[in-house]
């Protein structure tokens, strides 16, 4: 299976990411026009990792989001549903702890973590509400949620250009750079279908989180949503 459908069947999504794992980080840097590292840096600053802090980094892929957290001394688990992504991560970053896990049924006890973070992975789950509820379950009271995800540009003219032109260009660029360009057609479709900042914040509240807010990056192309477990 080279491309998942918008029903986001878990096995199809996992197989799709298995197929792009080897060059995923490189292609993402190209498709984001080099902004991926800046977005991750902003997320790391908000997370504020510290020694002794227990963090679950879900949909961690090859561990590019987990590495700076671990470097700051936090106790990080890099979890992903794709075995291919985990294998690529273990090869690239052997010092990280990788675990295969399903965001909809996490293999961890209640109140296990100080913080749950997921970067560019929440929209690939089959049930956003269930994923947010599972994140709430495994985070301690007073712990935090940090979601990094593509979103809706706040400036209307730019939003129209981004959604129509850039999202159409993304699969074309992927065909020139990726071994599985069909996967990026799915990714473009999933970005266009994803709720805007306000709508996602409402879903986070419905999942039981409090103090919900967000920070726009690159004019809202990406938003970092933050919340606290009651």
N, C-alpha and C. Protein backbone atom coordinates (compact mmCIF):
# COMPACT_ATOMS: atom_id res chain seq x y z
N UNK A 1 0.86 -1.20 0.00
CA UNK A 1 0.00 0.00 0.00
C UNK A 1 0.89 1.24 0.00
N UNK A 2 0.84 2.04 -1.09
CA UNK A 2 1.71 3.19 -1.21
C UNK A 2 1.09 4.45 -0.64
N UNK A 3 -0.24 4.48 -0.57
CA UNK A 3 -0.91 5.70 -0.15
C UNK A 3 -2.12 5.36 0.69
N UNK A 4 -2.27 6.01 1.84
CA UNK A 4 -3.46 5.81 2.66
C UNK A 4 -4.61 6.64 2.11
N UNK A 5 -5.82 6.24 2.43
CA UNK A 5 -7.00 7.00 2.07
C UNK A 5 -7.39 7.92 3.22
N UNK A 6 -8.35 8.81 2.95
CA UNK A 6 -8.72 9.78 3.98
C UNK A 6 -9.53 9.17 5.12
N UNK A 7 -9.90 7.88 5.00
CA UNK A 7 -10.51 7.23 6.16
C UNK A 7 -9.45 6.86 7.19
N UNK A 8 -8.18 6.98 6.81
CA UNK A 8 -7.03 6.84 7.71
C UNK A 8 -7.00 5.49 8.43
N UNK A 9 -7.21 4.44 7.64
CA UNK A 9 -7.09 3.09 8.19
C UNK A 9 -5.70 2.94 8.80
N UNK A 10 -5.60 2.54 10.08
CA UNK A 10 -4.30 2.51 10.75
C UNK A 10 -3.24 1.67 10.05
N UNK A 11 -3.64 0.51 9.53
CA UNK A 11 -2.67 -0.35 8.86
C UNK A 11 -2.17 0.31 7.57
N UNK A 12 -3.06 0.98 6.84
CA UNK A 12 -2.66 1.65 5.61
C UNK A 12 -1.75 2.83 5.90
N UNK A 13 -2.07 3.59 6.95
CA UNK A 13 -1.22 4.73 7.31
C UNK A 13 0.17 4.25 7.72
N UNK A 14 0.21 3.19 8.54
CA UNK A 14 1.50 2.65 8.98
C UNK A 14 2.32 2.17 7.79
N UNK A 15 1.67 1.45 6.86
CA UNK A 15 2.36 0.94 5.68
C UNK A 15 2.88 2.07 4.81
N UNK A 16 2.08 3.14 4.70
CA UNK A 16 2.51 4.28 3.90
C UNK A 16 3.77 4.92 4.48
N UNK A 17 3.79 5.10 5.80
CA UNK A 17 4.97 5.70 6.42
C UNK A 17 6.16 4.75 6.42
N UNK A 18 5.91 3.45 6.49
CA UNK A 18 7.00 2.49 6.32
C UNK A 18 7.71 2.75 4.99
N UNK A 19 6.91 3.06 3.96
CA UNK A 19 7.46 3.22 2.63
C UNK A 19 8.25 4.49 2.40
N UNK A 20 8.02 5.51 3.24
CA UNK A 20 8.74 6.79 3.04
C UNK A 20 9.77 7.04 4.15
N UNK A 21 9.92 6.09 5.05
CA UNK A 21 10.74 6.32 6.25
C UNK A 21 12.18 6.71 5.93
N UNK A 22 12.77 6.08 4.95
CA UNK A 22 14.21 6.26 4.71
C UNK A 22 14.57 7.69 4.38
N UNK A 23 13.73 8.38 3.61
CA UNK A 23 14.05 9.75 3.18
C UNK A 23 13.06 10.77 3.75
N UNK A 24 12.30 10.39 4.75
CA UNK A 24 11.21 11.23 5.25
C UNK A 24 11.71 12.59 5.73
N UNK A 25 12.76 12.62 6.54
CA UNK A 25 13.25 13.88 7.09
C UNK A 25 13.76 14.81 5.99
N UNK A 26 14.46 14.24 5.01
CA UNK A 26 15.01 15.05 3.92
C UNK A 26 13.89 15.66 3.09
N UNK A 27 12.90 14.84 2.72
CA UNK A 27 11.81 15.34 1.89
C UNK A 27 10.99 16.38 2.66
N UNK A 28 10.78 16.17 3.95
CA UNK A 28 10.03 17.14 4.75
C UNK A 28 10.71 18.50 4.75
N UNK A 29 12.03 18.50 4.86
CA UNK A 29 12.76 19.78 4.83
C UNK A 29 12.55 20.49 3.50
N UNK A 30 12.53 19.73 2.42
CA UNK A 30 12.31 20.33 1.10
C UNK A 30 10.89 20.87 0.98
N UNK A 31 9.92 20.07 1.39
CA UNK A 31 8.52 20.46 1.24
C UNK A 31 8.14 21.64 2.13
N UNK A 32 8.81 21.80 3.26
CA UNK A 32 8.52 22.91 4.17
C UNK A 32 9.38 24.13 3.87
N UNK A 33 10.11 24.07 2.75
CA UNK A 33 11.01 25.16 2.36
C UNK A 33 12.02 25.46 3.46
N UNK A 34 12.44 24.40 4.14
CA UNK A 34 13.46 24.55 5.16
C UNK A 34 12.97 25.02 6.51
N UNK A 35 11.65 25.08 6.71
CA UNK A 35 11.11 25.62 7.96
C UNK A 35 10.95 24.56 9.04
N UNK A 36 11.10 23.28 8.70
CA UNK A 36 10.86 22.22 9.68
C UNK A 36 11.71 22.39 10.93
N UNK A 37 12.99 22.68 10.76
CA UNK A 37 13.88 22.81 11.92
C UNK A 37 13.47 23.98 12.80
N UNK A 38 13.05 25.08 12.19
CA UNK A 38 12.60 26.24 12.97
C UNK A 38 11.33 25.91 13.74
N UNK A 39 10.42 25.18 13.12
CA UNK A 39 9.19 24.78 13.81
C UNK A 39 9.50 23.88 14.99
N UNK A 40 10.40 22.94 14.80
CA UNK A 40 10.75 22.04 15.90
C UNK A 40 11.45 22.80 17.03
N UNK A 41 12.28 23.75 16.66
CA UNK A 41 12.96 24.57 17.67
C UNK A 41 11.95 25.35 18.51
N UNK A 42 10.93 25.90 17.86
CA UNK A 42 9.89 26.64 18.57
C UNK A 42 9.12 25.71 19.51
N UNK A 43 8.84 24.49 19.05
CA UNK A 43 8.12 23.53 19.89
C UNK A 43 8.96 23.13 21.09
N UNK A 44 10.25 22.91 20.87
CA UNK A 44 11.14 22.54 21.97
C UNK A 44 11.19 23.64 23.03
N UNK A 45 11.19 24.89 22.59
CA UNK A 45 11.20 26.02 23.52
C UNK A 45 9.95 26.04 24.38
N UNK A 46 8.80 25.76 23.77
CA UNK A 46 7.53 25.72 24.51
C UNK A 46 7.50 24.54 25.47
N UNK A 47 7.99 23.40 25.02
CA UNK A 47 8.03 22.21 25.89
C UNK A 47 8.94 22.44 27.08
N UNK A 48 10.04 23.16 26.87
CA UNK A 48 11.01 23.47 27.93
C UNK A 48 11.48 22.20 28.64
N UNK A 49 12.09 21.26 27.92
CA UNK A 49 12.53 20.01 28.53
C UNK A 49 13.59 20.26 29.60
N UNK A 50 13.56 19.42 30.63
CA UNK A 50 14.50 19.56 31.74
C UNK A 50 14.83 18.18 32.29
N UNK A 51 15.96 18.05 32.96
CA UNK A 51 16.32 16.75 33.54
C UNK A 51 15.22 16.22 34.46
N UNK A 52 14.90 14.94 34.30
CA UNK A 52 13.89 14.29 35.12
C UNK A 52 12.48 14.40 34.58
N UNK A 53 12.27 15.21 33.59
CA UNK A 53 10.94 15.39 33.00
C UNK A 53 10.61 14.19 32.12
N UNK A 54 9.45 13.56 32.34
CA UNK A 54 9.04 12.39 31.57
C UNK A 54 8.15 12.82 30.42
N UNK A 55 8.61 12.56 29.21
CA UNK A 55 7.92 13.03 28.01
C UNK A 55 7.61 11.86 27.09
N UNK A 56 6.37 11.82 26.60
CA UNK A 56 6.01 10.89 25.54
C UNK A 56 5.89 11.69 24.25
N UNK A 57 6.76 11.38 23.29
CA UNK A 57 6.74 12.02 21.98
C UNK A 57 6.09 11.05 21.01
N UNK A 58 4.81 11.27 20.74
CA UNK A 58 4.04 10.35 19.91
C UNK A 58 4.18 10.74 18.45
N UNK A 59 4.09 9.75 17.56
CA UNK A 59 4.33 9.96 16.13
C UNK A 59 5.70 10.59 15.93
N UNK A 60 6.67 10.09 16.67
CA UNK A 60 8.01 10.67 16.69
C UNK A 60 8.79 10.38 15.42
N UNK A 61 8.32 9.44 14.61
CA UNK A 61 9.02 9.14 13.36
C UNK A 61 10.43 8.67 13.62
N UNK A 62 11.38 9.34 13.01
CA UNK A 62 12.79 8.96 13.16
C UNK A 62 13.44 9.58 14.38
N UNK A 63 12.66 10.29 15.18
CA UNK A 63 13.19 10.85 16.43
C UNK A 63 13.73 12.26 16.32
N UNK A 64 13.47 12.95 15.21
CA UNK A 64 14.00 14.30 15.06
C UNK A 64 13.39 15.27 16.05
N UNK A 65 12.16 15.02 16.48
CA UNK A 65 11.54 15.87 17.50
C UNK A 65 11.95 15.46 18.91
N UNK A 66 12.33 14.19 19.09
CA UNK A 66 12.70 13.67 20.41
C UNK A 66 14.12 14.03 20.81
N UNK A 67 15.00 14.09 19.82
CA UNK A 67 16.43 14.28 20.10
C UNK A 67 16.74 15.52 20.93
N UNK A 68 16.20 16.71 20.60
CA UNK A 68 16.52 17.88 21.43
C UNK A 68 15.94 17.80 22.84
N UNK A 69 14.86 17.06 23.01
CA UNK A 69 14.28 16.88 24.34
C UNK A 69 15.19 16.02 25.20
N UNK A 70 15.70 14.94 24.60
CA UNK A 70 16.63 14.07 25.31
C UNK A 70 17.94 14.78 25.60
N UNK A 71 18.38 15.61 24.66
CA UNK A 71 19.64 16.33 24.83
C UNK A 71 19.58 17.29 26.02
N UNK A 72 18.37 17.75 26.34
CA UNK A 72 18.20 18.66 27.48
C UNK A 72 18.10 17.90 28.80
N UNK A 73 18.14 16.57 28.74
CA UNK A 73 18.12 15.77 29.96
C UNK A 73 16.79 15.15 30.30
N UNK A 74 15.76 15.39 29.48
CA UNK A 74 14.45 14.80 29.76
C UNK A 74 14.47 13.30 29.49
N UNK A 75 13.58 12.59 30.16
CA UNK A 75 13.40 11.15 29.96
C UNK A 75 12.33 10.99 28.87
N UNK A 76 12.77 10.71 27.64
CA UNK A 76 11.88 10.75 26.48
C UNK A 76 11.65 9.36 25.90
N UNK A 77 10.40 9.07 25.60
CA UNK A 77 10.06 7.88 24.82
C UNK A 77 9.60 8.36 23.45
N UNK A 78 10.27 7.90 22.41
CA UNK A 78 9.89 8.22 21.03
C UNK A 78 8.99 7.09 20.53
N UNK A 79 7.71 7.36 20.39
CA UNK A 79 6.75 6.34 20.02
C UNK A 79 6.21 6.59 18.62
N UNK A 80 5.99 5.50 17.87
CA UNK A 80 5.42 5.63 16.53
C UNK A 80 4.70 4.34 16.16
N UNK A 81 3.73 4.46 15.26
CA UNK A 81 2.95 3.31 14.82
C UNK A 81 3.62 2.58 13.67
N UNK A 82 4.56 3.26 13.01
CA UNK A 82 5.24 2.70 11.84
C UNK A 82 6.55 2.03 12.23
N UNK A 83 6.65 0.73 11.99
CA UNK A 83 7.89 0.01 12.29
C UNK A 83 9.03 0.50 11.40
N UNK A 84 8.70 0.90 10.19
CA UNK A 84 9.72 1.43 9.29
C UNK A 84 10.33 2.72 9.81
N UNK A 85 9.49 3.59 10.35
CA UNK A 85 9.98 4.83 10.93
C UNK A 85 10.87 4.54 12.14
N UNK A 86 10.44 3.61 12.97
CA UNK A 86 11.22 3.26 14.16
C UNK A 86 12.58 2.70 13.76
N UNK A 87 12.58 1.83 12.76
CA UNK A 87 13.86 1.24 12.30
C UNK A 87 14.80 2.32 11.78
N UNK A 88 14.26 3.27 11.02
CA UNK A 88 15.08 4.38 10.52
C UNK A 88 15.59 5.24 11.68
N UNK A 89 14.73 5.43 12.68
CA UNK A 89 15.12 6.23 13.83
C UNK A 89 16.19 5.56 14.67
N UNK A 90 16.04 4.27 14.87
CA UNK A 90 17.03 3.54 15.65
C UNK A 90 18.39 3.55 14.98
N UNK A 91 18.39 3.55 13.66
CA UNK A 91 19.65 3.62 12.92
C UNK A 91 20.27 5.00 13.01
N UNK A 92 19.44 6.03 12.89
CA UNK A 92 19.94 7.40 12.89
C UNK A 92 20.26 7.92 14.28
N UNK A 93 19.47 7.48 15.27
CA UNK A 93 19.61 7.99 16.63
C UNK A 93 19.55 6.84 17.63
N UNK A 94 20.61 6.03 17.70
CA UNK A 94 20.59 4.82 18.54
C UNK A 94 20.51 5.10 20.03
N UNK A 95 20.75 6.33 20.45
CA UNK A 95 20.70 6.65 21.88
C UNK A 95 19.28 6.90 22.38
N UNK A 96 18.33 7.08 21.47
CA UNK A 96 16.94 7.33 21.87
C UNK A 96 16.21 6.02 22.17
N UNK A 97 15.18 6.10 22.99
CA UNK A 97 14.33 4.95 23.29
C UNK A 97 13.11 4.99 22.39
N UNK A 98 13.00 4.03 21.48
CA UNK A 98 11.89 3.95 20.55
C UNK A 98 10.94 2.82 20.96
N UNK A 99 9.64 3.09 20.85
CA UNK A 99 8.62 2.09 21.16
C UNK A 99 7.54 2.16 20.09
N UNK A 100 7.11 1.01 19.59
CA UNK A 100 5.98 0.98 18.67
C UNK A 100 4.70 1.13 19.48
N UNK A 101 3.88 2.12 19.12
CA UNK A 101 2.67 2.38 19.90
C UNK A 101 1.60 2.98 19.01
N UNK A 102 0.35 2.72 19.36
CA UNK A 102 -0.82 3.24 18.67
C UNK A 102 -1.37 4.41 19.49
N UNK A 103 -1.48 5.58 18.90
CA UNK A 103 -1.97 6.77 19.60
C UNK A 103 -3.38 6.60 20.14
N UNK A 104 -4.14 5.66 19.56
CA UNK A 104 -5.52 5.44 20.00
C UNK A 104 -5.62 4.43 21.12
N UNK A 105 -4.53 3.75 21.43
CA UNK A 105 -4.52 2.74 22.49
C UNK A 105 -3.11 2.65 23.05
N UNK A 106 -2.71 3.65 23.80
CA UNK A 106 -1.33 3.76 24.27
C UNK A 106 -0.99 2.67 25.29
N UNK A 107 0.18 2.05 25.17
CA UNK A 107 0.58 0.96 26.07
C UNK A 107 1.24 1.46 27.36
N UNK A 108 0.64 2.49 27.96
CA UNK A 108 1.19 3.07 29.18
C UNK A 108 0.10 3.24 30.23
N UNK A 109 0.50 3.20 31.49
CA UNK A 109 -0.46 3.36 32.57
C UNK A 109 -0.93 4.81 32.68
N UNK A 110 -2.04 4.99 33.37
CA UNK A 110 -2.55 6.33 33.62
C UNK A 110 -1.50 7.17 34.36
N UNK A 111 -1.49 8.46 34.10
CA UNK A 111 -0.64 9.42 34.84
C UNK A 111 0.84 9.05 34.79
N UNK A 112 1.31 8.65 33.62
CA UNK A 112 2.71 8.19 33.49
C UNK A 112 3.68 9.30 33.08
N UNK A 113 3.17 10.39 32.49
CA UNK A 113 4.07 11.37 31.89
C UNK A 113 3.78 12.79 32.38
N UNK A 114 4.82 13.60 32.33
CA UNK A 114 4.67 15.02 32.64
C UNK A 114 4.20 15.80 31.42
N UNK A 115 4.46 15.26 30.24
CA UNK A 115 4.09 15.97 29.01
C UNK A 115 3.91 14.98 27.87
N UNK A 116 2.90 15.23 27.07
CA UNK A 116 2.64 14.47 25.84
C UNK A 116 2.77 15.44 24.69
N UNK A 117 3.57 15.09 23.70
CA UNK A 117 3.69 15.92 22.52
C UNK A 117 3.56 15.08 21.27
N UNK A 118 3.01 15.68 20.23
CA UNK A 118 2.86 15.00 18.95
C UNK A 118 3.04 16.04 17.86
N UNK A 119 3.97 15.77 16.94
CA UNK A 119 4.29 16.72 15.88
C UNK A 119 3.91 16.15 14.52
N UNK A 120 3.00 16.81 13.85
CA UNK A 120 2.59 16.43 12.50
C UNK A 120 2.11 14.99 12.43
N UNK A 121 1.45 14.55 13.48
CA UNK A 121 0.96 13.18 13.52
C UNK A 121 -0.49 13.06 13.94
N UNK A 122 -1.01 14.06 14.63
CA UNK A 122 -2.38 13.95 15.13
C UNK A 122 -3.38 13.82 13.98
N UNK A 123 -3.13 14.53 12.88
CA UNK A 123 -4.08 14.48 11.76
C UNK A 123 -4.04 13.13 11.04
N UNK A 124 -3.04 12.30 11.32
CA UNK A 124 -2.96 10.98 10.69
C UNK A 124 -3.63 9.89 11.51
N UNK A 125 -4.15 10.24 12.67
CA UNK A 125 -4.88 9.24 13.46
C UNK A 125 -6.30 9.12 12.93
N UNK A 126 -6.87 7.96 13.14
CA UNK A 126 -8.22 7.71 12.61
C UNK A 126 -9.29 8.38 13.45
N UNK A 127 -8.97 8.70 14.71
CA UNK A 127 -9.95 9.29 15.61
C UNK A 127 -9.25 10.34 16.48
N UNK A 128 -9.35 11.61 16.09
CA UNK A 128 -8.66 12.68 16.81
C UNK A 128 -9.10 12.76 18.26
N UNK A 129 -10.40 12.65 18.51
CA UNK A 129 -10.92 12.75 19.86
C UNK A 129 -10.34 11.66 20.76
N UNK A 130 -10.28 10.44 20.24
CA UNK A 130 -9.74 9.33 21.02
C UNK A 130 -8.25 9.52 21.29
N UNK A 131 -7.51 10.01 20.30
CA UNK A 131 -6.08 10.25 20.49
C UNK A 131 -5.84 11.30 21.57
N UNK A 132 -6.64 12.37 21.57
CA UNK A 132 -6.50 13.42 22.58
C UNK A 132 -6.90 12.91 23.97
N UNK A 133 -7.91 12.04 24.02
CA UNK A 133 -8.33 11.47 25.29
C UNK A 133 -7.28 10.51 25.85
N UNK A 134 -6.66 9.73 24.97
CA UNK A 134 -5.59 8.83 25.41
C UNK A 134 -4.39 9.63 25.92
N UNK A 135 -4.09 10.73 25.25
CA UNK A 135 -3.00 11.59 25.71
C UNK A 135 -3.33 12.13 27.11
N UNK A 136 -4.57 12.53 27.31
CA UNK A 136 -4.99 13.03 28.63
C UNK A 136 -4.86 11.93 29.68
N UNK A 137 -5.18 10.71 29.32
CA UNK A 137 -5.13 9.60 30.28
C UNK A 137 -3.73 9.36 30.81
N UNK A 138 -2.74 9.44 29.94
CA UNK A 138 -1.38 9.07 30.35
C UNK A 138 -0.59 10.24 30.94
N UNK A 139 -1.17 11.44 30.93
CA UNK A 139 -0.48 12.61 31.48
C UNK A 139 -0.97 12.88 32.90
N UNK A 140 -0.04 13.19 33.78
CA UNK A 140 -0.36 13.49 35.17
C UNK A 140 -1.17 14.77 35.29
N UNK A 141 -1.92 14.90 36.37
CA UNK A 141 -2.62 16.14 36.65
C UNK A 141 -1.60 17.28 36.75
N UNK A 142 -1.85 18.35 36.04
CA UNK A 142 -0.90 19.45 35.99
C UNK A 142 0.11 19.32 34.87
N UNK A 143 0.13 18.15 34.22
CA UNK A 143 1.02 17.94 33.09
C UNK A 143 0.48 18.65 31.85
N UNK A 144 1.27 18.60 30.79
CA UNK A 144 0.92 19.41 29.62
C UNK A 144 0.81 18.61 28.33
N UNK A 145 0.11 19.22 27.40
CA UNK A 145 -0.05 18.73 26.03
C UNK A 145 0.54 19.77 25.08
N UNK A 146 1.35 19.31 24.12
CA UNK A 146 1.89 20.20 23.09
C UNK A 146 1.70 19.51 21.74
N UNK A 147 0.85 20.07 20.90
CA UNK A 147 0.55 19.52 19.58
C UNK A 147 1.09 20.46 18.52
N UNK A 148 1.95 19.95 17.67
CA UNK A 148 2.47 20.73 16.54
C UNK A 148 1.83 20.16 15.28
N UNK A 149 1.12 21.02 14.54
CA UNK A 149 0.40 20.49 13.38
C UNK A 149 0.22 21.59 12.32
N UNK A 150 0.14 21.16 11.08
CA UNK A 150 -0.23 22.10 10.02
C UNK A 150 -1.61 22.67 10.32
N UNK A 151 -1.81 23.94 9.96
CA UNK A 151 -3.05 24.59 10.32
C UNK A 151 -3.51 25.53 9.22
N UNK A 152 -4.22 26.58 9.58
CA UNK A 152 -4.82 27.48 8.59
C UNK A 152 -4.19 28.86 8.68
N UNK A 153 -3.50 29.34 7.64
CA UNK A 153 -2.90 30.67 7.67
C UNK A 153 -3.94 31.73 8.03
N UNK A 154 -3.54 32.66 8.89
CA UNK A 154 -4.48 33.65 9.42
C UNK A 154 -4.78 34.78 8.44
N UNK A 155 -3.90 35.05 7.49
CA UNK A 155 -4.09 36.12 6.50
C UNK A 155 -4.81 35.53 5.29
N UNK A 156 -6.04 35.97 5.04
CA UNK A 156 -6.91 35.32 4.05
C UNK A 156 -6.28 35.18 2.66
N UNK A 157 -5.67 36.24 2.08
CA UNK A 157 -5.07 36.07 0.75
C UNK A 157 -3.97 35.01 0.74
N UNK A 158 -3.14 35.00 1.79
CA UNK A 158 -2.08 33.99 1.86
C UNK A 158 -2.69 32.60 2.05
N UNK A 159 -3.77 32.51 2.84
CA UNK A 159 -4.42 31.22 3.06
C UNK A 159 -4.91 30.64 1.73
N UNK A 160 -5.48 31.48 0.88
CA UNK A 160 -5.97 31.00 -0.41
C UNK A 160 -4.81 30.51 -1.28
N UNK A 161 -3.72 31.26 -1.29
CA UNK A 161 -2.55 30.85 -2.07
C UNK A 161 -1.99 29.54 -1.53
N UNK A 162 -1.87 29.46 -0.21
CA UNK A 162 -1.28 28.27 0.42
C UNK A 162 -2.12 27.03 0.15
N UNK A 163 -3.40 27.13 0.39
CA UNK A 163 -4.26 25.95 0.26
C UNK A 163 -4.41 25.50 -1.20
N UNK A 164 -4.44 26.44 -2.12
CA UNK A 164 -4.68 26.08 -3.51
C UNK A 164 -3.41 25.84 -4.31
N UNK A 165 -2.45 26.72 -4.18
CA UNK A 165 -1.24 26.57 -4.98
C UNK A 165 -0.21 25.65 -4.30
N UNK A 166 0.14 25.97 -3.05
CA UNK A 166 1.18 25.19 -2.39
C UNK A 166 0.76 23.74 -2.21
N UNK A 167 -0.50 23.50 -1.87
CA UNK A 167 -0.94 22.13 -1.67
C UNK A 167 -0.99 21.36 -2.99
N UNK A 168 -1.18 22.08 -4.11
CA UNK A 168 -1.13 21.42 -5.41
C UNK A 168 0.31 21.17 -5.83
N UNK A 169 1.19 22.07 -5.40
CA UNK A 169 2.60 21.93 -5.76
C UNK A 169 3.30 20.85 -4.95
N UNK A 170 2.81 20.61 -3.74
CA UNK A 170 3.47 19.66 -2.85
C UNK A 170 3.63 18.28 -3.47
N UNK A 171 2.58 17.69 -4.05
CA UNK A 171 2.77 16.36 -4.68
C UNK A 171 3.76 16.40 -5.84
N UNK A 172 3.78 17.51 -6.60
CA UNK A 172 4.71 17.63 -7.71
C UNK A 172 6.15 17.62 -7.20
N UNK A 173 6.40 18.38 -6.13
CA UNK A 173 7.75 18.40 -5.55
C UNK A 173 8.12 17.01 -5.04
N UNK A 174 7.16 16.35 -4.41
CA UNK A 174 7.42 15.02 -3.86
C UNK A 174 7.80 14.03 -4.96
N UNK A 175 7.20 14.17 -6.12
CA UNK A 175 7.52 13.26 -7.23
C UNK A 175 8.98 13.38 -7.64
N UNK A 176 9.56 14.55 -7.42
CA UNK A 176 10.95 14.79 -7.79
C UNK A 176 11.92 14.37 -6.68
N UNK A 177 11.41 14.16 -5.47
CA UNK A 177 12.31 13.94 -4.34
C UNK A 177 12.05 12.67 -3.54
N UNK A 178 10.86 12.10 -3.66
CA UNK A 178 10.48 10.98 -2.81
C UNK A 178 10.35 9.69 -3.59
N UNK A 179 10.66 8.59 -2.91
CA UNK A 179 10.49 7.27 -3.53
C UNK A 179 9.03 6.85 -3.56
N UNK A 180 8.17 7.56 -2.83
CA UNK A 180 6.75 7.23 -2.77
C UNK A 180 5.93 8.52 -2.82
N UNK A 181 5.87 9.18 -3.98
CA UNK A 181 5.19 10.47 -4.06
C UNK A 181 3.70 10.40 -3.76
N UNK A 182 3.07 9.23 -3.99
CA UNK A 182 1.65 9.12 -3.69
C UNK A 182 1.34 9.37 -2.22
N UNK A 183 2.30 9.05 -1.36
CA UNK A 183 2.10 9.30 0.07
C UNK A 183 1.93 10.78 0.34
N UNK A 184 2.61 11.61 -0.42
CA UNK A 184 2.53 13.05 -0.20
C UNK A 184 1.26 13.66 -0.79
N UNK A 185 0.61 12.96 -1.71
CA UNK A 185 -0.71 13.38 -2.14
C UNK A 185 -1.68 13.23 -0.98
N UNK A 186 -1.58 12.10 -0.27
CA UNK A 186 -2.39 11.92 0.93
C UNK A 186 -2.09 13.00 1.95
N UNK A 187 -0.81 13.29 2.18
CA UNK A 187 -0.43 14.29 3.18
C UNK A 187 -0.99 15.66 2.82
N UNK A 188 -0.95 16.03 1.54
CA UNK A 188 -1.52 17.30 1.10
C UNK A 188 -3.02 17.32 1.35
N UNK A 189 -3.71 16.22 1.00
CA UNK A 189 -5.16 16.15 1.23
C UNK A 189 -5.49 16.24 2.71
N UNK A 190 -4.68 15.59 3.55
CA UNK A 190 -4.95 15.59 4.98
C UNK A 190 -4.75 16.98 5.59
N UNK A 191 -3.80 17.74 5.06
CA UNK A 191 -3.58 19.10 5.54
C UNK A 191 -4.76 20.00 5.17
N UNK A 192 -5.24 19.88 3.95
CA UNK A 192 -6.35 20.70 3.50
C UNK A 192 -7.63 20.39 4.27
N UNK A 193 -7.80 19.14 4.70
CA UNK A 193 -9.02 18.73 5.39
C UNK A 193 -8.96 18.97 6.90
N UNK A 194 -7.79 19.34 7.41
CA UNK A 194 -7.60 19.45 8.86
C UNK A 194 -8.30 20.69 9.42
N UNK A 195 -8.88 20.61 10.63
CA UNK A 195 -9.56 21.77 11.21
C UNK A 195 -8.61 22.93 11.49
N UNK A 196 -9.15 24.14 11.49
CA UNK A 196 -8.33 25.31 11.79
C UNK A 196 -8.02 25.38 13.29
N UNK A 197 -7.32 26.42 13.68
CA UNK A 197 -6.82 26.54 15.05
C UNK A 197 -7.96 26.51 16.08
N UNK A 198 -8.99 27.28 15.83
CA UNK A 198 -10.10 27.36 16.78
C UNK A 198 -10.84 26.04 16.90
N UNK A 199 -11.04 25.38 15.77
CA UNK A 199 -11.77 24.10 15.78
C UNK A 199 -10.97 23.02 16.49
N UNK A 200 -9.66 22.97 16.27
CA UNK A 200 -8.85 21.98 16.98
C UNK A 200 -8.81 22.28 18.47
N UNK A 201 -8.72 23.55 18.84
CA UNK A 201 -8.74 23.91 20.25
C UNK A 201 -10.01 23.42 20.92
N UNK A 202 -11.14 23.52 20.22
CA UNK A 202 -12.40 23.04 20.77
C UNK A 202 -12.38 21.53 21.00
N UNK A 203 -11.76 20.80 20.07
CA UNK A 203 -11.64 19.36 20.24
C UNK A 203 -10.76 19.01 21.44
N UNK A 204 -9.72 19.79 21.66
CA UNK A 204 -8.83 19.55 22.81
C UNK A 204 -9.58 19.78 24.11
N UNK A 205 -10.39 20.82 24.16
CA UNK A 205 -11.22 21.08 25.35
C UNK A 205 -12.18 19.92 25.58
N UNK A 206 -12.83 19.46 24.51
CA UNK A 206 -13.79 18.35 24.63
C UNK A 206 -13.13 17.08 25.14
N UNK A 207 -11.83 16.93 24.92
CA UNK A 207 -11.12 15.73 25.37
C UNK A 207 -10.71 15.81 26.84
N UNK A 208 -11.04 16.92 27.50
CA UNK A 208 -10.78 17.02 28.93
C UNK A 208 -9.60 17.87 29.33
N UNK A 209 -9.00 18.57 28.38
CA UNK A 209 -7.86 19.43 28.68
C UNK A 209 -8.32 20.83 29.05
N UNK A 210 -7.50 21.55 29.81
CA UNK A 210 -7.82 22.91 30.21
C UNK A 210 -6.73 23.87 29.75
N UNK A 211 -6.98 25.17 29.92
CA UNK A 211 -6.01 26.22 29.57
C UNK A 211 -5.50 26.04 28.14
N UNK A 212 -6.42 25.82 27.25
CA UNK A 212 -6.08 25.52 25.86
C UNK A 212 -5.78 26.82 25.09
N UNK A 213 -4.69 26.81 24.36
CA UNK A 213 -4.33 27.94 23.53
C UNK A 213 -3.42 27.49 22.41
N UNK A 214 -3.04 28.42 21.55
CA UNK A 214 -2.15 28.06 20.45
C UNK A 214 -1.26 29.23 20.07
N UNK A 215 -0.17 28.88 19.39
CA UNK A 215 0.79 29.86 18.87
C UNK A 215 0.98 29.57 17.40
N UNK A 216 0.75 30.56 16.55
CA UNK A 216 0.93 30.39 15.11
C UNK A 216 2.39 30.54 14.72
N UNK A 217 2.83 29.71 13.79
CA UNK A 217 4.15 29.80 13.20
C UNK A 217 4.00 29.99 11.69
N UNK A 218 4.89 30.77 11.11
CA UNK A 218 4.87 31.04 9.67
C UNK A 218 3.46 31.46 9.23
N UNK A 219 2.90 32.41 9.96
CA UNK A 219 1.61 32.97 9.60
C UNK A 219 0.43 32.03 9.74
N UNK A 220 0.61 30.96 10.52
CA UNK A 220 -0.47 30.00 10.71
C UNK A 220 -0.37 28.78 9.84
N UNK A 221 0.67 28.68 9.02
CA UNK A 221 0.89 27.44 8.26
C UNK A 221 0.98 26.27 9.23
N UNK A 222 1.63 26.52 10.36
CA UNK A 222 1.73 25.56 11.45
C UNK A 222 1.26 26.25 12.73
N UNK A 223 0.60 25.51 13.59
CA UNK A 223 0.21 26.03 14.89
C UNK A 223 0.63 25.05 15.97
N UNK A 224 1.10 25.59 17.08
CA UNK A 224 1.42 24.78 18.26
C UNK A 224 0.30 24.97 19.26
N UNK A 225 -0.46 23.92 19.50
CA UNK A 225 -1.52 23.96 20.49
C UNK A 225 -0.99 23.48 21.83
N UNK A 226 -1.38 24.17 22.89
CA UNK A 226 -0.92 23.85 24.23
C UNK A 226 -2.12 23.70 25.17
N UNK A 227 -2.00 22.80 26.14
CA UNK A 227 -3.07 22.60 27.11
C UNK A 227 -2.48 21.99 28.38
N UNK A 228 -3.30 21.99 29.44
CA UNK A 228 -2.89 21.46 30.74
C UNK A 228 -3.91 20.44 31.21
N UNK A 229 -3.43 19.34 31.79
CA UNK A 229 -4.31 18.32 32.34
C UNK A 229 -4.85 18.79 33.69
N UNK A 230 -6.17 18.74 33.90
CA UNK A 230 -6.74 19.20 35.17
C UNK A 230 -6.39 18.28 36.33
